[in-house]
Every structure is written in structure tokens, then in C-alpha cells.
Full PDB file with SEQRES, HELIX, SHEET, SSBOND, CRYST1, ORIGX, SCALE, CONECT and MASTER records, all heavy atoms in Angstrom:
SEQRES   1 A   42  ARG ILE ALA ALA ALA GLY GLY SER PRO GLN ASP ARG VAL          
SEQRES   2 A   42  LEU MET ASN PRO ALA SER ILE ALA GLU THR TYR TRP GLN          
SEQRES   3 A   42  LEU HIS GLN GLN PRO ARG ASP ALA TRP THR HIS GLU LEU          
SEQRES   4 A   42  ASP LEU ARG                                                  
HELIX    1 AA1 PRO A    9  ASP A   11  5                                   3    
HELIX    2 AA2 PRO A   17  HIS A   28  1                                  12    
HELIX    3 AA3 ARG A   32  ALA A   34  5                                   3    
CRYST1    1.000    1.000    1.000  90.00  90.00  90.00 P 1           1          
ORIGX1      1.000000  0.000000  0.000000        0.00000                         
ORIGX2      0.000000  1.000000  0.000000        0.00000                         
ORIGX3      0.000000  0.000000  1.000000        0.00000                         
SCALE1      1.000000  0.000000  0.000000        0.00000                         
SCALE2      0.000000  1.000000  0.000000        0.00000                         
SCALE3      0.000000  0.000000  1.000000        0.00000                         
ATOM      1  N   ARG A   1      -1.602   2.172  18.263  1.00  0.00           N  
ATOM      2  CA  ARG A   1      -1.734   3.631  18.208  1.00  0.00           C  
ATOM      3  C   ARG A   1      -3.193   4.047  18.048  1.00  0.00           C  
ATOM      4  O   ARG A   1      -3.631   5.031  18.646  1.00  0.00           O  
ATOM      5  CB  ARG A   1      -0.899   4.180  17.053  1.00  0.00           C  
ATOM      6  CG  ARG A   1       0.591   4.110  17.277  1.00  0.00           C  
ATOM      7  CD  ARG A   1       1.359   4.916  16.259  1.00  0.00           C  
ATOM      8  NE  ARG A   1       1.062   6.336  16.349  1.00  0.00           N  
ATOM      9  CZ  ARG A   1       1.612   7.259  15.570  1.00  0.00           C  
ATOM     10  NH1 ARG A   1       2.466   6.900  14.633  1.00  0.00           N  
ATOM     11  NH2 ARG A   1       1.288   8.531  15.705  1.00  0.00           N  
ATOM     12  N   ILE A   2      -3.945   3.301  17.253  1.00  0.00           N  
ATOM     13  CA  ILE A   2      -5.368   3.607  17.086  1.00  0.00           C  
ATOM     14  C   ILE A   2      -6.096   3.433  18.410  1.00  0.00           C  
ATOM     15  O   ILE A   2      -6.910   4.274  18.821  1.00  0.00           O  
ATOM     16  CB  ILE A   2      -5.994   2.706  15.999  1.00  0.00           C  
ATOM     17  CG1 ILE A   2      -5.416   3.059  14.620  1.00  0.00           C  
ATOM     18  CG2 ILE A   2      -7.511   2.844  15.986  1.00  0.00           C  
ATOM     19  CD1 ILE A   2      -5.843   2.111  13.517  1.00  0.00           C  
ATOM     20  N   ALA A   3      -5.770   2.347  19.112  1.00  0.00           N  
ATOM     21  CA  ALA A   3      -6.412   2.089  20.400  1.00  0.00           C  
ATOM     22  C   ALA A   3      -6.034   3.162  21.422  1.00  0.00           C  
ATOM     23  O   ALA A   3      -6.872   3.616  22.207  1.00  0.00           O  
ATOM     24  CB  ALA A   3      -6.017   0.704  20.912  1.00  0.00           C  
ATOM     25  N   ALA A   4      -4.763   3.584  21.410  1.00  0.00           N  
ATOM     26  CA  ALA A   4      -4.311   4.606  22.361  1.00  0.00           C  
ATOM     27  C   ALA A   4      -5.005   5.938  22.125  1.00  0.00           C  
ATOM     28  O   ALA A   4      -5.186   6.736  23.059  1.00  0.00           O  
ATOM     29  CB  ALA A   4      -2.797   4.778  22.248  1.00  0.00           C  
ATOM     30  N   ALA A   5      -5.429   6.184  20.883  1.00  0.00           N  
ATOM     31  CA  ALA A   5      -6.136   7.425  20.552  1.00  0.00           C  
ATOM     32  C   ALA A   5      -7.632   7.309  20.800  1.00  0.00           C  
ATOM     33  O   ALA A   5      -8.396   8.234  20.497  1.00  0.00           O  
ATOM     34  CB  ALA A   5      -5.883   7.796  19.093  1.00  0.00           C  
ATOM     35  N   GLY A   6      -8.059   6.173  21.354  1.00  0.00           N  
ATOM     36  CA  GLY A   6      -9.463   5.990  21.691  1.00  0.00           C  
ATOM     37  C   GLY A   6     -10.301   5.417  20.576  1.00  0.00           C  
ATOM     38  O   GLY A   6     -11.533   5.366  20.671  1.00  0.00           O  
ATOM     39  N   GLY A   7      -9.658   4.961  19.500  1.00  0.00           N  
ATOM     40  CA  GLY A   7     -10.394   4.399  18.374  1.00  0.00           C  
ATOM     41  C   GLY A   7     -10.355   2.884  18.365  1.00  0.00           C  
ATOM     42  O   GLY A   7      -9.880   2.244  19.303  1.00  0.00           O  
ATOM     43  N   SER A   8     -10.834   2.322  17.287  1.00  0.00           N  
ATOM     44  CA  SER A   8     -10.829   0.881  17.099  1.00  0.00           C  
ATOM     45  C   SER A   8     -10.315   0.585  15.692  1.00  0.00           C  
ATOM     46  O   SER A   8     -10.673   1.285  14.736  1.00  0.00           O  
ATOM     47  CB  SER A   8     -12.246   0.308  17.249  1.00  0.00           C  
ATOM     48  OG  SER A   8     -12.283  -1.031  16.799  1.00  0.00           O  
ATOM     49  N   PRO A   9      -9.451  -0.425  15.552  1.00  0.00           N  
ATOM     50  CA  PRO A   9      -8.964  -0.778  14.212  1.00  0.00           C  
ATOM     51  C   PRO A   9     -10.094  -1.073  13.230  1.00  0.00           C  
ATOM     52  O   PRO A   9      -9.944  -0.888  12.025  1.00  0.00           O  
ATOM     53  CB  PRO A   9      -8.120  -2.029  14.472  1.00  0.00           C  
ATOM     54  CG  PRO A   9      -7.677  -1.888  15.892  1.00  0.00           C  
ATOM     55  CD  PRO A   9      -8.830  -1.231  16.596  1.00  0.00           C  
ATOM     56  N   GLN A  10     -11.245  -1.506  13.758  1.00  0.00           N  
ATOM     57  CA  GLN A  10     -12.381  -1.796  12.888  1.00  0.00           C  
ATOM     58  C   GLN A  10     -12.968  -0.529  12.264  1.00  0.00           C  
ATOM     59  O   GLN A  10     -13.722  -0.600  11.290  1.00  0.00           O  
ATOM     60  CB  GLN A  10     -13.474  -2.545  13.659  1.00  0.00           C  
ATOM     61  CG  GLN A  10     -13.144  -4.005  13.937  1.00  0.00           C  
ATOM     62  CD  GLN A  10     -12.038  -4.183  14.961  1.00  0.00           C  
ATOM     63  OE1 GLN A  10     -11.965  -3.425  15.937  1.00  0.00           O  
ATOM     64  NE2 GLN A  10     -11.182  -5.155  14.754  1.00  0.00           N  
ATOM     65  N   ASP A  11     -12.606   0.632  12.847  1.00  0.00           N  
ATOM     66  CA  ASP A  11     -13.121   1.902  12.330  1.00  0.00           C  
ATOM     67  C   ASP A  11     -12.389   2.352  11.071  1.00  0.00           C  
ATOM     68  O   ASP A  11     -12.837   3.279  10.399  1.00  0.00           O  
ATOM     69  CB  ASP A  11     -12.994   3.001  13.395  1.00  0.00           C  
ATOM     70  CG  ASP A  11     -13.830   2.698  14.635  1.00  0.00           C  
ATOM     71  OD1 ASP A  11     -14.807   1.948  14.507  1.00  0.00           O  
ATOM     72  OD2 ASP A  11     -13.475   3.202  15.712  1.00  0.00           O  
ATOM     73  N   ARG A  12     -11.253   1.721  10.758  1.00  0.00           N  
ATOM     74  CA  ARG A  12     -10.440   2.137   9.619  1.00  0.00           C  
ATOM     75  C   ARG A  12     -10.143   0.952   8.717  1.00  0.00           C  
ATOM     76  O   ARG A  12     -10.083  -0.204   9.157  1.00  0.00           O  
ATOM     77  CB  ARG A  12      -9.098   2.720  10.093  1.00  0.00           C  
ATOM     78  CG  ARG A  12      -9.221   4.036  10.816  1.00  0.00           C  
ATOM     79  CD  ARG A  12      -7.849   4.663  10.991  1.00  0.00           C  
ATOM     80  NE  ARG A  12      -7.171   4.855   9.713  1.00  0.00           N  
ATOM     81  CZ  ARG A  12      -5.919   5.283   9.607  1.00  0.00           C  
ATOM     82  NH1 ARG A  12      -5.221   5.565  10.694  1.00  0.00           N  
ATOM     83  NH2 ARG A  12      -5.371   5.442   8.421  1.00  0.00           N  
ATOM     84  N   VAL A  13      -9.953   1.246   7.446  1.00  0.00           N  
ATOM     85  CA  VAL A  13      -9.494   0.233   6.502  1.00  0.00           C  
ATOM     86  C   VAL A  13      -7.971   0.326   6.468  1.00  0.00           C  
ATOM     87  O   VAL A  13      -7.408   1.327   6.007  1.00  0.00           O  
ATOM     88  CB  VAL A  13     -10.076   0.457   5.095  1.00  0.00           C  
ATOM     89  CG1 VAL A  13      -9.519  -0.571   4.127  1.00  0.00           C  
ATOM     90  CG2 VAL A  13     -11.595   0.392   5.134  1.00  0.00           C  
ATOM     91  N   LEU A  14      -7.303  -0.684   6.993  1.00  0.00           N  
ATOM     92  CA  LEU A  14      -5.851  -0.710   7.028  1.00  0.00           C  
ATOM     93  C   LEU A  14      -5.316  -1.514   5.839  1.00  0.00           C  
ATOM     94  O   LEU A  14      -5.949  -2.445   5.371  1.00  0.00           O  
ATOM     95  CB  LEU A  14      -5.359  -1.326   8.339  1.00  0.00           C  
ATOM     96  CG  LEU A  14      -5.777  -0.582   9.620  1.00  0.00           C  
ATOM     97  CD1 LEU A  14      -5.310  -1.348  10.850  1.00  0.00           C  
ATOM     98  CD2 LEU A  14      -5.212   0.836   9.628  1.00  0.00           C  
ATOM     99  N   MET A  15      -4.147  -1.137   5.385  1.00  0.00           N  
ATOM    100  CA  MET A  15      -3.564  -1.783   4.209  1.00  0.00           C  
ATOM    101  C   MET A  15      -2.936  -3.119   4.585  1.00  0.00           C  
ATOM    102  O   MET A  15      -2.188  -3.233   5.563  1.00  0.00           O  
ATOM    103  CB  MET A  15      -2.506  -0.875   3.574  1.00  0.00           C  
ATOM    104  CG  MET A  15      -3.052   0.458   3.106  1.00  0.00           C  
ATOM    105  SD  MET A  15      -1.772   1.539   2.409  1.00  0.00           S  
ATOM    106  CE  MET A  15      -1.496   0.739   0.840  1.00  0.00           C  
ATOM    107  N   ASN A  16      -3.213  -4.127   3.790  1.00  0.00           N  
ATOM    108  CA  ASN A  16      -2.628  -5.450   3.974  1.00  0.00           C  
ATOM    109  C   ASN A  16      -1.209  -5.424   3.400  1.00  0.00           C  
ATOM    110  O   ASN A  16      -1.012  -5.080   2.236  1.00  0.00           O  
ATOM    111  CB  ASN A  16      -3.474  -6.485   3.233  1.00  0.00           C  
ATOM    112  CG  ASN A  16      -3.010  -7.903   3.476  1.00  0.00           C  
ATOM    113  OD1 ASN A  16      -1.844  -8.157   3.776  1.00  0.00           O  
ATOM    114  ND2 ASN A  16      -3.916  -8.854   3.328  1.00  0.00           N  
ATOM    115  N   PRO A  17      -0.187  -5.785   4.188  1.00  0.00           N  
ATOM    116  CA  PRO A  17       1.184  -5.771   3.664  1.00  0.00           C  
ATOM    117  C   PRO A  17       1.345  -6.602   2.388  1.00  0.00           C  
ATOM    118  O   PRO A  17       2.127  -6.231   1.509  1.00  0.00           O  
ATOM    119  CB  PRO A  17       2.003  -6.356   4.818  1.00  0.00           C  
ATOM    120  CG  PRO A  17       1.230  -5.995   6.037  1.00  0.00           C  
ATOM    121  CD  PRO A  17      -0.213  -6.109   5.631  1.00  0.00           C  
ATOM    122  N   ALA A  18       0.600  -7.692   2.266  1.00  0.00           N  
ATOM    123  CA  ALA A  18       0.706  -8.519   1.067  1.00  0.00           C  
ATOM    124  C   ALA A  18       0.214  -7.763  -0.167  1.00  0.00           C  
ATOM    125  O   ALA A  18       0.749  -7.951  -1.276  1.00  0.00           O  
ATOM    126  CB  ALA A  18      -0.093  -9.813   1.242  1.00  0.00           C  
ATOM    127  N   SER A  19      -0.777  -6.914  -0.002  1.00  0.00           N  
ATOM    128  CA  SER A  19      -1.271  -6.099  -1.120  1.00  0.00           C  
ATOM    129  C   SER A  19      -0.217  -5.089  -1.555  1.00  0.00           C  
ATOM    130  O   SER A  19      -0.037  -4.826  -2.752  1.00  0.00           O  
ATOM    131  CB  SER A  19      -2.558  -5.377  -0.727  1.00  0.00           C  
ATOM    132  OG  SER A  19      -3.570  -6.297  -0.349  1.00  0.00           O  
ATOM    133  N   ILE A  20       0.470  -4.515  -0.580  1.00  0.00           N  
ATOM    134  CA  ILE A  20       1.547  -3.581  -0.888  1.00  0.00           C  
ATOM    135  C   ILE A  20       2.662  -4.299  -1.628  1.00  0.00           C  
ATOM    136  O   ILE A  20       3.197  -3.805  -2.631  1.00  0.00           O  
ATOM    137  CB  ILE A  20       2.068  -2.928   0.402  1.00  0.00           C  
ATOM    138  CG1 ILE A  20       0.953  -2.123   1.082  1.00  0.00           C  
ATOM    139  CG2 ILE A  20       3.271  -2.037   0.113  1.00  0.00           C  
ATOM    140  CD1 ILE A  20       1.329  -1.601   2.453  1.00  0.00           C  
ATOM    141  N   ALA A  21       3.019  -5.485  -1.148  1.00  0.00           N  
ATOM    142  CA  ALA A  21       4.087  -6.254  -1.787  1.00  0.00           C  
ATOM    143  C   ALA A  21       3.747  -6.589  -3.232  1.00  0.00           C  
ATOM    144  O   ALA A  21       4.637  -6.606  -4.098  1.00  0.00           O  
ATOM    145  CB  ALA A  21       4.347  -7.536  -0.993  1.00  0.00           C  
ATOM    146  N   GLU A  22       2.484  -6.834  -3.503  1.00  0.00           N  
ATOM    147  CA  GLU A  22       2.081  -7.140  -4.879  1.00  0.00           C  
ATOM    148  C   GLU A  22       2.332  -5.936  -5.787  1.00  0.00           C  
ATOM    149  O   GLU A  22       2.706  -6.089  -6.957  1.00  0.00           O  
ATOM    150  CB  GLU A  22       0.607  -7.537  -4.912  1.00  0.00           C  
ATOM    151  CG  GLU A  22       0.143  -8.094  -6.247  1.00  0.00           C  
ATOM    152  CD  GLU A  22       0.865  -9.366  -6.630  1.00  0.00           C  
ATOM    153  OE1 GLU A  22       1.219 -10.179  -5.746  1.00  0.00           O  
ATOM    154  OE2 GLU A  22       1.091  -9.566  -7.855  1.00  0.00           O  
ATOM    155  N   THR A  23       2.155  -4.733  -5.251  1.00  0.00           N  
ATOM    156  CA  THR A  23       2.432  -3.533  -6.037  1.00  0.00           C  
ATOM    157  C   THR A  23       3.923  -3.420  -6.341  1.00  0.00           C  
ATOM    158  O   THR A  23       4.313  -3.038  -7.449  1.00  0.00           O  
ATOM    159  CB  THR A  23       1.938  -2.286  -5.293  1.00  0.00           C  
ATOM    160  OG1 THR A  23       0.526  -2.392  -5.076  1.00  0.00           O  
ATOM    161  CG2 THR A  23       2.220  -1.029  -6.092  1.00  0.00           C  
ATOM    162  N   TYR A  24       4.770  -3.745  -5.366  1.00  0.00           N  
ATOM    163  CA  TYR A  24       6.216  -3.743  -5.621  1.00  0.00           C  
ATOM    164  C   TYR A  24       6.559  -4.729  -6.749  1.00  0.00           C  
ATOM    165  O   TYR A  24       7.393  -4.433  -7.609  1.00  0.00           O  
ATOM    166  CB  TYR A  24       6.980  -4.123  -4.355  1.00  0.00           C  
ATOM    167  CG  TYR A  24       7.130  -3.003  -3.351  1.00  0.00           C  
ATOM    168  CD1 TYR A  24       6.030  -2.528  -2.636  1.00  0.00           C  
ATOM    169  CD2 TYR A  24       8.359  -2.416  -3.103  1.00  0.00           C  
ATOM    170  CE1 TYR A  24       6.163  -1.508  -1.713  1.00  0.00           C  
ATOM    171  CE2 TYR A  24       8.503  -1.399  -2.176  1.00  0.00           C  
ATOM    172  CZ  TYR A  24       7.389  -0.946  -1.490  1.00  0.00           C  
ATOM    173  OH  TYR A  24       7.522   0.077  -0.576  1.00  0.00           O  
ATOM    174  N   TRP A  25       5.925  -5.869  -6.720  1.00  0.00           N  
ATOM    175  CA  TRP A  25       6.156  -6.878  -7.754  1.00  0.00           C  
ATOM    176  C   TRP A  25       5.745  -6.353  -9.131  1.00  0.00           C  
ATOM    177  O   TRP A  25       6.486  -6.462 -10.105  1.00  0.00           O  
ATOM    178  CB  TRP A  25       5.407  -8.162  -7.412  1.00  0.00           C  
ATOM    179  CG  TRP A  25       5.406  -9.175  -8.526  1.00  0.00           C  
ATOM    180  CD1 TRP A  25       4.369  -9.500  -9.349  1.00  0.00           C  
ATOM    181  CD2 TRP A  25       6.515  -9.974  -8.944  1.00  0.00           C  
ATOM    182  NE1 TRP A  25       4.753 -10.455 -10.261  1.00  0.00           N  
ATOM    183  CE2 TRP A  25       6.061 -10.760 -10.032  1.00  0.00           C  
ATOM    184  CE3 TRP A  25       7.829 -10.109  -8.519  1.00  0.00           C  
ATOM    185  CZ2 TRP A  25       6.894 -11.674 -10.692  1.00  0.00           C  
ATOM    186  CZ3 TRP A  25       8.659 -11.017  -9.177  1.00  0.00           C  
ATOM    187  CH2 TRP A  25       8.191 -11.774 -10.241  1.00  0.00           C  
ATOM    188  N   GLN A  26       4.556  -5.772  -9.206  1.00  0.00           N  
ATOM    189  CA  GLN A  26       4.070  -5.246 -10.480  1.00  0.00           C  
ATOM    190  C   GLN A  26       4.960  -4.119 -10.996  1.00  0.00           C  
ATOM    191  O   GLN A  26       5.230  -4.022 -12.199  1.00  0.00           O  
ATOM    192  CB  GLN A  26       2.631  -4.761 -10.321  1.00  0.00           C  
ATOM    193  CG  GLN A  26       1.629  -5.868 -10.043  1.00  0.00           C  
ATOM    194  CD  GLN A  26       0.281  -5.345  -9.581  1.00  0.00           C  
ATOM    195  OE1 GLN A  26       0.067  -4.134  -9.496  1.00  0.00           O  
ATOM    196  NE2 GLN A  26      -0.632  -6.252  -9.258  1.00  0.00           N  
ATOM    197  N   LEU A  27       5.440  -3.277 -10.084  1.00  0.00           N  
ATOM    198  CA  LEU A  27       6.312  -2.175 -10.469  1.00  0.00           C  
ATOM    199  C   LEU A  27       7.615  -2.705 -11.074  1.00  0.00           C  
ATOM    200  O   LEU A  27       8.127  -2.165 -12.066  1.00  0.00           O  
ATOM    201  CB  LEU A  27       6.602  -1.325  -9.235  1.00  0.00           C  
ATOM    202  CG  LEU A  27       7.122   0.104  -9.408  1.00  0.00           C  
ATOM    203  CD1 LEU A  27       6.128   0.950 -10.188  1.00  0.00           C  
ATOM    204  CD2 LEU A  27       7.395   0.718  -8.043  1.00  0.00           C  
ATOM    205  N   HIS A  28       8.127  -3.764 -10.484  1.00  0.00           N  
ATOM    206  CA  HIS A  28       9.376  -4.357 -10.981  1.00  0.00           C  
ATOM    207  C   HIS A  28       9.202  -4.973 -12.369  1.00  0.00           C  
ATOM    208  O   HIS A  28      10.178  -5.113 -13.108  1.00  0.00           O  
ATOM    209  CB  HIS A  28       9.874  -5.408  -9.992  1.00  0.00           C  
ATOM    210  CG  HIS A  28      11.176  -6.031 -10.371  1.00  0.00           C  
ATOM    211  ND1 HIS A  28      12.324  -5.292 -10.576  1.00  0.00           N  
ATOM    212  CD2 HIS A  28      11.521  -7.325 -10.591  1.00  0.00           C  
ATOM    213  CE1 HIS A  28      13.323  -6.108 -10.899  1.00  0.00           C  
ATOM    214  NE2 HIS A  28      12.861  -7.335 -10.917  1.00  0.00           N  
ATOM    215  N   GLN A  29       7.970  -5.337 -12.717  1.00  0.00           N  
ATOM    216  CA  GLN A  29       7.717  -5.970 -14.006  1.00  0.00           C  
ATOM    217  C   GLN A  29       7.458  -4.973 -15.133  1.00  0.00           C  
ATOM    218  O   GLN A  29       7.312  -5.365 -16.290  1.00  0.00           O  
ATOM    219  CB  GLN A  29       6.491  -6.897 -13.895  1.00  0.00           C  
ATOM    220  CG  GLN A  29       6.602  -7.975 -12.834  1.00  0.00           C  
ATOM    221  CD  GLN A  29       7.832  -8.835 -13.005  1.00  0.00           C  
ATOM    222  OE1 GLN A  29       8.081  -9.358 -14.077  1.00  0.00           O  
ATOM    223  NE2 GLN A  29       8.621  -8.964 -11.942  1.00  0.00           N  
ATOM    224  N   GLN A  30       7.405  -3.682 -14.825  1.00  0.00           N  
ATOM    225  CA  GLN A  30       7.042  -2.706 -15.849  1.00  0.00           C  
ATOM    226  C   GLN A  30       8.061  -2.668 -16.992  1.00  0.00           C  
ATOM    227  O   GLN A  30       9.268  -2.738 -16.752  1.00  0.00           O  
ATOM    228  CB  GLN A  30       6.955  -1.303 -15.237  1.00  0.00           C  
ATOM    229  CG  GLN A  30       5.746  -1.063 -14.375  1.00  0.00           C  
ATOM    230  CD  GLN A  30       5.686   0.381 -13.887  1.00  0.00           C  
ATOM    231  OE1 GLN A  30       6.709   1.030 -13.692  1.00  0.00           O  
ATOM    232  NE2 GLN A  30       4.477   0.878 -13.675  1.00  0.00           N  
ATOM    233  N   PRO A  31       7.575  -2.539 -18.231  1.00  0.00           N  
ATOM    234  CA  PRO A  31       8.499  -2.344 -19.356  1.00  0.00           C  
ATOM    235  C   PRO A  31       9.148  -0.968 -19.254  1.00  0.00           C  
ATOM    236  O   PRO A  31       8.546  -0.019 -18.750  1.00  0.00           O  
ATOM    237  CB  PRO A  31       7.587  -2.447 -20.580  1.00  0.00           C  
ATOM    238  CG  PRO A  31       6.233  -2.066 -20.078  1.00  0.00           C  
ATOM    239  CD  PRO A  31       6.165  -2.559 -18.666  1.00  0.00           C  
ATOM    240  N   ARG A  32      10.367  -0.861 -19.736  1.00  0.00           N  
ATOM    241  CA  ARG A  32      11.116   0.374 -19.511  1.00  0.00           C  
ATOM    242  C   ARG A  32      10.601   1.566 -20.314  1.00  0.00           C  
ATOM    243  O   ARG A  32      11.013   2.704 -20.068  1.00  0.00           O  
ATOM    244  CB  ARG A  32      12.600   0.152 -19.804  1.00  0.00           C  
ATOM    245  CG  ARG A  32      12.928  -0.251 -21.227  1.00  0.00           C  
ATOM    246  CD  ARG A  32      14.411  -0.500 -21.359  1.00  0.00           C  
ATOM    247  NE  ARG A  32      14.770  -0.937 -22.705  1.00  0.00           N  
ATOM    248  CZ  ARG A  32      16.015  -1.226 -23.073  1.00  0.00           C  
ATOM    249  NH1 ARG A  32      17.002  -1.117 -22.193  1.00  0.00           N  
ATOM    250  NH2 ARG A  32      16.270  -1.619 -24.304  1.00  0.00           N  
ATOM    251  N   ASP A  33       9.704   1.323 -21.276  1.00  0.00           N  
ATOM    252  CA  ASP A  33       9.132   2.459 -21.997  1.00  0.00           C  
ATOM    253  C   ASP A  33       7.906   3.017 -21.283  1.00  0.00           C  
ATOM    254  O   ASP A  33       7.264   3.938 -21.778  1.00  0.00           O  
ATOM    255  CB  ASP A  33       8.778   2.078 -23.440  1.00  0.00           C  
ATOM    256  CG  ASP A  33       7.734   0.983 -23.524  1.00  0.00           C  
ATOM    257  OD1 ASP A  33       7.620   0.192 -22.558  1.00  0.00           O  
ATOM    258  OD2 ASP A  33       7.030   0.906 -24.547  1.00  0.00           O  
ATOM    259  N   ALA A  34       7.583   2.481 -20.098  1.00  0.00           N  
ATOM    260  CA  ALA A  34       6.436   2.986 -19.325  1.00  0.00           C  
ATOM    261  C   ALA A  34       6.703   2.810 -17.835  1.00  0.00           C  
ATOM    262  O   ALA A  34       5.884   2.267 -17.096  1.00  0.00           O  
ATOM    263  CB  ALA A  34       5.155   2.273 -19.736  1.00  0.00           C  
ATOM    264  N   TRP A  35       7.846   3.292 -17.388  1.00  0.00           N  
ATOM    265  CA  TRP A  35       8.199   3.191 -15.986  1.00  0.00           C  
ATOM    266  C   TRP A  35       7.443   4.213 -15.138  1.00  0.00           C  
ATOM    267  O   TRP A  35       7.263   5.372 -15.543  1.00  0.00           O  
ATOM    268  CB  TRP A  35       9.698   3.443 -15.798  1.00  0.00           C  
ATOM    269  CG  TRP A  35      10.544   2.220 -15.984  1.00  0.00           C  
ATOM    270  CD1 TRP A  35      10.132   0.925 -16.091  1.00  0.00           C  
ATOM    271  CD2 TRP A  35      11.976   2.187 -16.076  1.00  0.00           C  
ATOM    272  NE1 TRP A  35      11.201   0.089 -16.241  1.00  0.00           N  
ATOM    273  CE2 TRP A  35      12.356   0.840 -16.235  1.00  0.00           C  
ATOM    274  CE3 TRP A  35      12.969   3.170 -16.038  1.00  0.00           C  
ATOM    275  CZ2 TRP A  35      13.687   0.447 -16.361  1.00  0.00           C  
ATOM    276  CZ3 TRP A  35      14.288   2.775 -16.157  1.00  0.00           C  
ATOM    277  CH2 TRP A  35      14.648   1.430 -16.316  1.00  0.00           C  
ATOM    278  N   THR A  36       7.032   3.785 -13.958  1.00  0.00           N  
ATOM    279  CA  THR A  36       6.474   4.683 -12.954  1.00  0.00           C  
ATOM    280  C   THR A  36       7.596   5.091 -12.011  1.00  0.00           C  
ATOM    281  O   THR A  36       8.351   4.236 -11.540  1.00  0.00           O  
ATOM    282  CB  THR A  36       5.368   3.977 -12.145  1.00  0.00           C  
ATOM    283  OG1 THR A  36       4.282   3.659 -13.007  1.00  0.00           O  
ATOM    284  CG2 THR A  36       4.875   4.851 -11.004  1.00  0.00           C  
ATOM    285  N   HIS A  37       7.695   6.390 -11.727  1.00  0.00           N  
ATOM    286  CA  HIS A  37       8.668   6.805 -10.711  1.00  0.00           C  
ATOM    287  C   HIS A  37       8.009   6.898  -9.344  1.00  0.00           C  
ATOM    288  O   HIS A  37       8.517   6.363  -8.366  1.00  0.00           O  
ATOM    289  CB  HIS A  37       9.327   8.140 -11.030  1.00  0.00           C  
ATOM    290  CG  HIS A  37      10.075   8.682  -9.842  1.00  0.00           C  
ATOM    291  ND1 HIS A  37      11.167   8.022  -9.303  1.00  0.00           N  
ATOM    292  CD2 HIS A  37       9.855   9.761  -9.043  1.00  0.00           C  
ATOM    293  CE1 HIS A  37      11.588   8.689  -8.230  1.00  0.00           C  
ATOM    294  NE2 HIS A  37      10.816   9.743  -8.056  1.00  0.00           N  
ATOM    295  N   GLU A  38       6.862   7.585  -9.248  1.00  0.00           N  
ATOM    296  CA  GLU A  38       6.216   7.746  -7.950  1.00  0.00           C  
ATOM    297  C   GLU A  38       4.809   7.184  -7.996  1.00  0.00           C  
ATOM    298  O   GLU A  38       4.066   7.407  -8.953  1.00  0.00           O  
ATOM    299  CB  GLU A  38       6.180   9.211  -7.528  1.00  0.00           C  
ATOM    300  CG  GLU A  38       5.716   9.403  -6.088  1.00  0.00           C  
ATOM    301  CD  GLU A  38       6.134  10.746  -5.535  1.00  0.00           C  
ATOM    302  OE1 GLU A  38       5.508  11.754  -5.910  1.00  0.00           O  
ATOM    303  OE2 GLU A  38       7.090  10.787  -4.737  1.00  0.00           O  
ATOM    304  N   LEU A  39       4.459   6.474  -6.932  1.00  0.00           N  
ATOM    305  CA  LEU A  39       3.188   5.771  -6.883  1.00  0.00           C  
ATOM    306  C   LEU A  39       2.580   5.947  -5.503  1.00  0.00           C  
ATOM    307  O   LEU A  39       3.252   5.738  -4.494  1.00  0.00           O  
ATOM    308  CB  LEU A  39       3.431   4.282  -7.177  1.00  0.00           C  
ATOM    309  CG  LEU A  39       2.234   3.360  -7.327  1.00  0.00           C  
ATOM    310  CD1 LEU A  39       1.425   3.743  -8.557  1.00  0.00           C  
ATOM    311  CD2 LEU A  39       2.717   1.913  -7.460  1.00  0.00           C  
ATOM    312  N   ASP A  40       1.305   6.385  -5.453  1.00  0.00           N  
ATOM    313  CA  ASP A  40       0.575   6.490  -4.188  1.00  0.00           C  
ATOM    314  C   ASP A  40      -0.214   5.211  -3.966  1.00  0.00           C  
ATOM    315  O   ASP A  40      -0.873   4.715  -4.876  1.00  0.00           O  
ATOM    316  CB  ASP A  40      -0.426   7.649  -4.228  1.00  0.00           C  
ATOM    317  CG  ASP A  40       0.238   9.007  -4.292  1.00  0.00           C  
ATOM    318  OD1 ASP A  40       1.452   9.067  -4.566  1.00  0.00           O  
ATOM    319  OD2 ASP A  40      -0.462  10.010  -4.093  1.00  0.00           O  
ATOM    320  N   LEU A  41      -0.189   4.708  -2.729  1.00  0.00           N  
ATOM    321  CA  LEU A  41      -0.993   3.551  -2.368  1.00  0.00           C  
ATOM    322  C   LEU A  41      -1.855   3.915  -1.172  1.00  0.00           C  
ATOM    323  O   LEU A  41      -1.347   4.420  -0.166  1.00  0.00           O  
ATOM    324  CB  LEU A  41      -0.120   2.348  -2.003  1.00  0.00           C  
ATOM    325  CG  LEU A  41       0.630   1.636  -3.119  1.00  0.00           C  
ATOM    326  CD1 LEU A  41       1.944   2.336  -3.419  1.00  0.00           C  
ATOM    327  CD2 LEU A  41       0.914   0.195  -2.725  1.00  0.00           C  
ATOM    328  N   ARG A  42      -3.159   3.643  -1.290  1.00  0.00           N  
ATOM    329  CA  ARG A  42      -4.074   3.876  -0.165  1.00  0.00           C  
ATOM    330  C   ARG A  42      -5.325   3.024  -0.378  1.00  0.00           C  
ATOM    331  O   ARG A  42      -5.692   2.723  -1.517  1.00  0.00           O  
ATOM    332  CB  ARG A  42      -4.444   5.354  -0.047  1.00  0.00           C  
ATOM    333  CG  ARG A  42      -5.199   5.917  -1.230  1.00  0.00           C  
ATOM    334  CD  ARG A  42      -5.514   7.405  -1.047  1.00  0.00           C  
ATOM    335  NE  ARG A  42      -4.321   8.220  -0.997  1.00  0.00           N  
ATOM    336  CZ  ARG A  42      -3.703   8.729  -2.076  1.00  0.00           C  
ATOM    337  NH1 ARG A  42      -4.161   8.449  -3.288  1.00  0.00           N  
ATOM    338  NH2 ARG A  42      -2.633   9.466  -1.944  1.00  0.00           N  
TER     339      ARG A  42                                                      
MASTER        0    0    0    3    0    0    0    6  338    1    0    4          
END                                                                             
């Protein structure tokens, strides 16, 4: 999609799926007295 819009993937910092997965892991480990409901990732 970036290429179709005339850009280059090197022009943007894209999120690594493994980094996102690590956040899911950390969220699952949270103690119940400090749960996060909504989390922004960028």
C-alpha cells in the first residue's frame, strides 16, 4: 500500500509484530489491582 501511494517503506517506521506480541504478553501478566483496559501502541 505504501508503494502504491508512491512512497517507500523506508520512509516510515513500521511496527514489528513481535514487539506488539510482547505487549500482549505483558498485558496478560498485569496484577488485577492495576489492570489496563485500553492501550495505544505506536
